[in-house]
Amino acid sequence: MRIEPKEMRRLDATPGKLPGPSDLILRQDVTPTHELFYDDHYGRLLCTDAFAVRVLNSDCKGIAFADPAHLYGPHCRFRTLQGVEEYVSWNRAKMKVEMKLVEAIP
């Protein structure tokens, strides 16, 4: 499935500014026909939340589900089993990424 222009709308139409994923929102009245779909405009493979949760519940290792609105910078966000978590830092002593929960999703 590909996201069609009719399925999204611009939030910020600043002249001369290149749009990014945070400048668009998906319409709530449009349901993807597949769990994985490709966004032609940004060249990204996206998935439904249900798909991400199913993969996370399967204890699959080596995959992360990034929030397309918060992909870059110091506040990258990811979908986890707890909800949406934000990257905090790399803990060298524990060899582990530290995250903080920003939105609990039961």
N, C-alpha and C. Protein backbone atom coordinates (compact mmCIF):
# COMPACT_ATOMS: atom_id res chain seq x y z
N MET A 1 0.85 -1.18 0.00
CA MET A 1 0.00 0.00 0.00
C MET A 1 0.89 1.23 0.00
N ARG A 2 0.48 2.24 -0.68
CA ARG A 2 1.19 3.52 -0.70
C ARG A 2 0.27 4.59 -0.14
N ILE A 3 0.84 5.52 0.60
CA ILE A 3 0.05 6.63 1.13
C ILE A 3 -0.22 7.61 0.00
N GLU A 4 -1.44 7.89 -0.23
CA GLU A 4 -1.85 8.81 -1.28
C GLU A 4 -1.97 10.22 -0.70
N PRO A 5 -1.75 11.25 -1.53
CA PRO A 5 -1.89 12.63 -1.03
C PRO A 5 -3.24 12.90 -0.38
N LYS A 6 -4.31 12.27 -0.85
CA LYS A 6 -5.63 12.51 -0.27
C LYS A 6 -5.74 11.97 1.15
N GLU A 7 -4.76 11.12 1.56
CA GLU A 7 -4.80 10.51 2.88
C GLU A 7 -4.05 11.33 3.92
N MET A 8 -3.47 12.45 3.52
CA MET A 8 -2.74 13.26 4.47
C MET A 8 -3.01 14.74 4.20
N ARG A 9 -2.67 15.55 5.17
CA ARG A 9 -2.80 16.99 4.97
C ARG A 9 -1.63 17.67 5.65
N ARG A 10 -1.24 18.82 5.12
CA ARG A 10 -0.12 19.57 5.66
C ARG A 10 -0.54 20.29 6.94
N LEU A 11 0.34 20.29 7.92
CA LEU A 11 0.12 21.07 9.13
C LEU A 11 0.78 22.44 9.01
N ASP A 12 1.95 22.45 8.38
CA ASP A 12 2.72 23.68 8.27
C ASP A 12 3.11 23.88 6.82
N ALA A 13 2.61 24.91 6.20
CA ALA A 13 2.91 25.18 4.79
C ALA A 13 3.81 26.41 4.67
N THR A 14 4.89 26.44 5.43
CA THR A 14 5.82 27.57 5.41
C THR A 14 6.53 27.63 4.06
N PRO A 15 6.42 28.76 3.33
CA PRO A 15 7.09 28.86 2.04
C PRO A 15 8.60 28.68 2.18
N GLY A 16 9.19 27.93 1.27
CA GLY A 16 10.63 27.70 1.27
C GLY A 16 11.11 26.63 2.23
N LYS A 17 10.23 26.12 3.05
CA LYS A 17 10.61 25.09 4.02
C LYS A 17 10.28 23.72 3.44
N LEU A 18 11.28 22.84 3.45
CA LEU A 18 11.02 21.48 3.00
C LEU A 18 10.17 20.77 4.04
N PRO A 19 9.09 20.12 3.63
CA PRO A 19 8.24 19.43 4.60
C PRO A 19 8.93 18.18 5.14
N GLY A 20 8.68 17.89 6.38
CA GLY A 20 9.18 16.67 7.01
C GLY A 20 8.01 15.87 7.53
N PRO A 21 8.26 14.67 8.06
CA PRO A 21 7.17 13.84 8.56
C PRO A 21 6.33 14.52 9.63
N SER A 22 6.92 15.39 10.43
CA SER A 22 6.14 16.05 11.48
C SER A 22 5.22 17.13 10.91
N ASP A 23 5.36 17.45 9.62
CA ASP A 23 4.51 18.45 8.99
C ASP A 23 3.23 17.85 8.42
N LEU A 24 3.10 16.56 8.51
CA LEU A 24 1.93 15.87 7.96
C LEU A 24 1.25 15.06 9.05
N ILE A 25 -0.04 14.90 8.91
CA ILE A 25 -0.74 13.95 9.77
C ILE A 25 -1.59 13.06 8.87
N LEU A 26 -1.74 11.83 9.29
CA LEU A 26 -2.59 10.93 8.54
C LEU A 26 -4.03 11.16 8.96
N ARG A 27 -4.91 11.06 7.99
CA ARG A 27 -6.32 11.21 8.30
C ARG A 27 -6.80 10.03 9.14
N GLN A 28 -7.61 10.32 10.12
CA GLN A 28 -8.13 9.27 10.99
C GLN A 28 -9.20 8.42 10.31
N ASP A 29 -9.81 8.95 9.25
CA ASP A 29 -10.88 8.19 8.58
C ASP A 29 -10.36 7.30 7.46
N VAL A 30 -9.04 7.16 7.35
CA VAL A 30 -8.44 6.29 6.34
C VAL A 30 -7.75 5.14 7.06
N THR A 31 -8.08 3.93 6.68
CA THR A 31 -7.49 2.75 7.29
C THR A 31 -6.59 2.06 6.28
N PRO A 32 -5.34 1.80 6.64
CA PRO A 32 -4.45 1.09 5.71
C PRO A 32 -5.02 -0.29 5.38
N THR A 33 -4.81 -0.72 4.14
CA THR A 33 -5.27 -2.04 3.75
C THR A 33 -4.23 -3.11 4.04
N HIS A 34 -3.01 -2.69 4.41
CA HIS A 34 -1.93 -3.60 4.77
C HIS A 34 -1.25 -3.09 6.02
N GLU A 35 -0.63 -4.00 6.77
CA GLU A 35 0.07 -3.60 7.99
C GLU A 35 1.38 -2.88 7.72
N LEU A 36 1.99 -3.17 6.58
CA LEU A 36 3.20 -2.47 6.15
C LEU A 36 2.85 -1.68 4.90
N PHE A 37 3.29 -0.44 4.85
CA PHE A 37 3.02 0.37 3.68
C PHE A 37 4.15 1.35 3.46
N TYR A 38 4.32 1.75 2.22
CA TYR A 38 5.44 2.59 1.81
C TYR A 38 4.94 4.01 1.55
N ASP A 39 5.64 4.99 2.08
CA ASP A 39 5.32 6.39 1.84
C ASP A 39 6.23 6.89 0.74
N ASP A 40 5.69 7.08 -0.47
CA ASP A 40 6.46 7.54 -1.63
C ASP A 40 7.11 8.89 -1.40
N HIS A 41 6.42 9.78 -0.72
CA HIS A 41 6.91 11.14 -0.55
C HIS A 41 8.21 11.17 0.25
N TYR A 42 8.28 10.41 1.32
CA TYR A 42 9.46 10.42 2.18
C TYR A 42 10.34 9.20 2.00
N GLY A 43 9.92 8.25 1.18
CA GLY A 43 10.72 7.06 0.94
C GLY A 43 10.91 6.21 2.18
N ARG A 44 9.86 6.05 2.95
CA ARG A 44 9.94 5.29 4.19
C ARG A 44 8.91 4.17 4.21
N LEU A 45 9.31 3.06 4.79
CA LEU A 45 8.39 1.97 5.06
C LEU A 45 7.78 2.22 6.43
N LEU A 46 6.48 2.25 6.50
CA LEU A 46 5.77 2.48 7.75
C LEU A 46 4.94 1.25 8.09
N CYS A 47 4.47 1.17 9.32
CA CYS A 47 3.63 0.06 9.72
C CYS A 47 2.54 0.56 10.66
N THR A 48 1.54 -0.28 10.83
CA THR A 48 0.47 0.06 11.78
C THR A 48 0.98 -0.18 13.20
N ASP A 49 0.33 0.44 14.15
CA ASP A 49 0.69 0.23 15.55
C ASP A 49 0.48 -1.22 15.94
N ALA A 50 -0.59 -1.83 15.46
CA ALA A 50 -0.88 -3.23 15.78
C ALA A 50 0.25 -4.15 15.32
N PHE A 51 0.81 -3.87 14.15
CA PHE A 51 1.93 -4.67 13.64
C PHE A 51 3.14 -4.53 14.56
N ALA A 52 3.46 -3.28 14.93
CA ALA A 52 4.61 -3.04 15.81
C ALA A 52 4.44 -3.78 17.14
N VAL A 53 3.27 -3.71 17.71
CA VAL A 53 3.02 -4.37 19.00
C VAL A 53 3.14 -5.89 18.86
N ARG A 54 2.63 -6.44 17.78
CA ARG A 54 2.72 -7.89 17.56
C ARG A 54 4.19 -8.34 17.47
N VAL A 55 5.00 -7.58 16.73
CA VAL A 55 6.42 -7.93 16.60
C VAL A 55 7.12 -7.78 17.95
N LEU A 56 6.83 -6.70 18.68
CA LEU A 56 7.45 -6.50 19.99
C LEU A 56 7.05 -7.60 20.97
N ASN A 57 5.79 -8.04 20.92
CA ASN A 57 5.34 -9.13 21.79
C ASN A 57 5.99 -10.46 21.46
N SER A 58 6.45 -10.62 20.23
CA SER A 58 7.08 -11.88 19.83
C SER A 58 8.53 -11.96 20.33
N ASP A 59 9.00 -10.91 21.02
CA ASP A 59 10.35 -10.84 21.56
C ASP A 59 11.40 -10.84 20.45
N CYS A 60 11.04 -10.29 19.30
CA CYS A 60 11.96 -10.17 18.18
C CYS A 60 13.07 -9.19 18.54
N LYS A 61 14.31 -9.55 18.28
CA LYS A 61 15.44 -8.70 18.61
C LYS A 61 15.97 -7.98 17.38
N GLY A 62 16.56 -6.81 17.58
CA GLY A 62 17.23 -6.09 16.50
C GLY A 62 16.34 -5.23 15.64
N ILE A 63 15.14 -4.94 16.11
CA ILE A 63 14.24 -4.06 15.35
C ILE A 63 13.69 -3.00 16.28
N ALA A 64 13.57 -1.79 15.76
CA ALA A 64 13.00 -0.69 16.53
C ALA A 64 11.96 0.00 15.67
N PHE A 65 10.90 0.45 16.28
CA PHE A 65 9.83 1.13 15.57
C PHE A 65 9.88 2.62 15.94
N ALA A 66 10.48 3.41 15.05
CA ALA A 66 10.66 4.83 15.30
C ALA A 66 9.38 5.60 15.01
N ASP A 67 9.16 6.64 15.77
CA ASP A 67 8.03 7.55 15.55
C ASP A 67 8.42 8.46 14.39
N PRO A 68 7.68 8.41 13.26
CA PRO A 68 8.09 9.22 12.10
C PRO A 68 8.09 10.73 12.36
N ALA A 69 7.37 11.18 13.36
CA ALA A 69 7.37 12.61 13.67
C ALA A 69 8.56 13.02 14.53
N HIS A 70 9.28 12.04 15.06
CA HIS A 70 10.43 12.32 15.94
C HIS A 70 11.60 11.40 15.59
N LEU A 71 12.05 11.48 14.35
CA LEU A 71 13.11 10.58 13.88
C LEU A 71 14.51 11.07 14.20
N TYR A 72 14.71 12.36 14.22
CA TYR A 72 16.06 12.92 14.32
C TYR A 72 16.20 13.84 15.52
N GLY A 73 17.43 14.10 15.87
CA GLY A 73 17.69 15.04 16.95
C GLY A 73 17.79 14.33 18.29
N PRO A 74 17.87 15.13 19.34
CA PRO A 74 18.10 14.56 20.67
C PRO A 74 16.86 13.89 21.28
N HIS A 75 15.72 14.02 20.64
CA HIS A 75 14.49 13.50 21.23
C HIS A 75 13.82 12.45 20.34
N CYS A 76 14.61 11.50 19.83
CA CYS A 76 14.05 10.42 19.00
C CYS A 76 13.08 9.60 19.85
N ARG A 77 11.98 9.22 19.24
CA ARG A 77 10.97 8.43 19.96
C ARG A 77 10.73 7.10 19.26
N PHE A 78 10.38 6.11 20.08
CA PHE A 78 10.18 4.76 19.59
C PHE A 78 8.94 4.14 20.23
N ARG A 79 8.26 3.28 19.47
CA ARG A 79 7.13 2.53 20.01
C ARG A 79 7.70 1.32 20.73
N THR A 80 7.32 1.15 21.98
CA THR A 80 7.72 0.00 22.78
C THR A 80 6.46 -0.65 23.33
N LEU A 81 6.62 -1.74 24.05
CA LEU A 81 5.44 -2.38 24.64
C LEU A 81 4.79 -1.50 25.70
N GLN A 82 5.55 -0.58 26.29
CA GLN A 82 4.99 0.32 27.30
C GLN A 82 4.24 1.48 26.67
N GLY A 83 4.58 1.83 25.45
CA GLY A 83 3.97 2.98 24.77
C GLY A 83 4.99 3.65 23.87
N VAL A 84 5.07 4.98 23.96
CA VAL A 84 6.06 5.74 23.19
C VAL A 84 7.13 6.20 24.18
N GLU A 85 8.38 5.83 23.86
CA GLU A 85 9.50 6.20 24.73
C GLU A 85 10.47 7.07 23.96
N GLU A 86 11.12 7.98 24.69
CA GLU A 86 12.07 8.91 24.10
C GLU A 86 13.49 8.53 24.52
N TYR A 87 14.40 8.57 23.54
CA TYR A 87 15.81 8.30 23.81
C TYR A 87 16.36 9.33 24.78
N VAL A 88 17.06 8.87 25.82
CA VAL A 88 17.67 9.75 26.80
C VAL A 88 19.18 9.75 26.62
N SER A 89 19.79 8.57 26.70
CA SER A 89 21.25 8.48 26.59
C SER A 89 21.68 7.03 26.47
N TRP A 90 22.96 6.86 26.19
CA TRP A 90 23.58 5.55 26.18
C TRP A 90 24.32 5.39 27.50
N ASN A 91 23.95 4.37 28.28
CA ASN A 91 24.61 4.10 29.56
C ASN A 91 25.78 3.18 29.29
N ARG A 92 26.99 3.73 29.32
CA ARG A 92 28.19 2.94 29.01
C ARG A 92 28.43 1.83 30.02
N ALA A 93 28.18 2.12 31.28
CA ALA A 93 28.43 1.13 32.33
C ALA A 93 27.54 -0.10 32.16
N LYS A 94 26.28 0.12 31.82
CA LYS A 94 25.34 -1.00 31.65
C LYS A 94 25.25 -1.48 30.21
N MET A 95 25.92 -0.74 29.29
CA MET A 95 25.86 -1.07 27.86
C MET A 95 24.39 -1.16 27.40
N LYS A 96 23.66 -0.11 27.75
CA LYS A 96 22.21 -0.12 27.50
C LYS A 96 21.71 1.29 27.18
N VAL A 97 20.74 1.36 26.29
CA VAL A 97 20.09 2.63 25.97
C VAL A 97 19.11 2.96 27.09
N GLU A 98 19.14 4.21 27.54
CA GLU A 98 18.18 4.65 28.55
C GLU A 98 17.08 5.44 27.86
N MET A 99 15.85 5.10 28.19
CA MET A 99 14.67 5.72 27.58
C MET A 99 13.77 6.25 28.69
N LYS A 100 12.90 7.21 28.32
CA LYS A 100 11.87 7.65 29.28
C LYS A 100 10.52 7.54 28.57
N LEU A 101 9.53 7.12 29.32
CA LEU A 101 8.19 6.96 28.79
C LEU A 101 7.54 8.34 28.63
N VAL A 102 7.08 8.65 27.41
CA VAL A 102 6.41 9.94 27.19
C VAL A 102 4.92 9.77 26.94
N GLU A 103 4.50 8.57 26.57
CA GLU A 103 3.07 8.30 26.38
C GLU A 103 2.80 6.83 26.64
N ALA A 104 2.12 6.55 27.73
CA ALA A 104 1.77 5.17 28.05
C ALA A 104 0.62 4.71 27.15
N ILE A 105 0.78 3.53 26.58
CA ILE A 105 -0.26 2.94 25.75
C ILE A 105 -0.50 1.53 26.30
N PRO A 106 -1.68 1.31 26.88
CA PRO A 106 -1.95 0.00 27.49
C PRO A 106 -2.05 -1.11 26.44
